[in-house]
Amino acid sequence: MTRKRRNHSPEFKAKVALDAARGDKTVAELAQKYVSAP
């Protein structure tokens, strides 16, 4: 069984990028906040 690739909107990508640029959270924390488990 194959998994479908996720397509994120430009708005979502911008929100995640701004949050990452702040630098107050680790990559793991950002992933937990924005990415749901498969």
C-alpha atoms as a PDB file:
ATOM      1  CA  MET A   1       0.000   0.000   0.000  1.00  0.00           C
ATOM      2  CA  THR A   2       1.397   3.404  -0.940  1.00  0.00           C
ATOM      3  CA  ARG A   3       1.034   6.571   1.093  1.00  0.00           C
ATOM      4  CA  LYS A   4      -0.284   9.773  -0.434  1.00  0.00           C
ATOM      5  CA  ARG A   5       2.108  12.730  -0.404  1.00  0.00           C
ATOM      6  CA  ARG A   6       1.001  15.718   1.622  1.00  0.00           C
ATOM      7  CA  ASN A   7       0.601  19.049  -0.094  1.00  0.00           C
ATOM      8  CA  HIS A   8       0.844  22.012   2.257  1.00  0.00           C
ATOM      9  CA  SER A   9      -0.546  25.419   1.389  1.00  0.00           C
ATOM     10  CA  PRO A  10       1.775  28.418   1.031  1.00  0.00           C
ATOM     11  CA  GLU A  11       0.111  29.944   4.098  1.00  0.00           C
ATOM     12  CA  PHE A  12       0.951  26.888   6.202  1.00  0.00           C
ATOM     13  CA  LYS A  13       4.548  26.878   4.961  1.00  0.00           C
ATOM     14  CA  ALA A  14       4.925  30.582   5.763  1.00  0.00           C
ATOM     15  CA  LYS A  15       3.542  30.081   9.272  1.00  0.00           C
ATOM     16  CA  VAL A  16       5.943  27.214   9.970  1.00  0.00           C
ATOM     17  CA  ALA A  17       8.893  29.126   8.489  1.00  0.00           C
ATOM     18  CA  LEU A  18       8.200  32.191  10.626  1.00  0.00           C
ATOM     19  CA  ASP A  19       7.900  30.046  13.736  1.00  0.00           C
ATOM     20  CA  ALA A  20      11.193  28.304  12.901  1.00  0.00           C
ATOM     21  CA  ALA A  21      12.966  31.605  12.187  1.00  0.00           C
ATOM     22  CA  ARG A  22      12.127  32.843  15.686  1.00  0.00           C
ATOM     23  CA  GLY A  23      14.467  30.172  17.011  1.00  0.00           C
ATOM     24  CA  ASP A  24      12.740  29.658  20.345  1.00  0.00           C
ATOM     25  CA  LYS A  25      11.774  26.040  19.595  1.00  0.00           C
ATOM     26  CA  THR A  26      13.709  23.023  18.405  1.00  0.00           C
ATOM     27  CA  VAL A  27      12.966  21.236  15.146  1.00  0.00           C
ATOM     28  CA  ALA A  28      11.449  18.362  17.124  1.00  0.00           C
ATOM     29  CA  GLU A  29       9.100  20.730  18.941  1.00  0.00           C
ATOM     30  CA  LEU A  30       8.022  22.354  15.673  1.00  0.00           C
ATOM     31  CA  ALA A  31       7.406  18.950  14.084  1.00  0.00           C
ATOM     32  CA  GLN A  32       5.286  17.882  17.031  1.00  0.00           C
ATOM     33  CA  LYS A  33       3.281  21.111  16.827  1.00  0.00           C
ATOM     34  CA  TYR A  34       2.648  21.150  13.064  1.00  0.00           C
ATOM     35  CA  VAL A  35       2.876  17.570  11.792  1.00  0.00           C
ATOM     36  CA  SER A  36       0.288  14.964  12.655  1.00  0.00           C
ATOM     37  CA  ALA A  37       1.234  11.319  12.995  1.00  0.00           C
ATOM     38  CA  PRO A  38       0.436   9.148   9.965  1.00  0.00           C
END
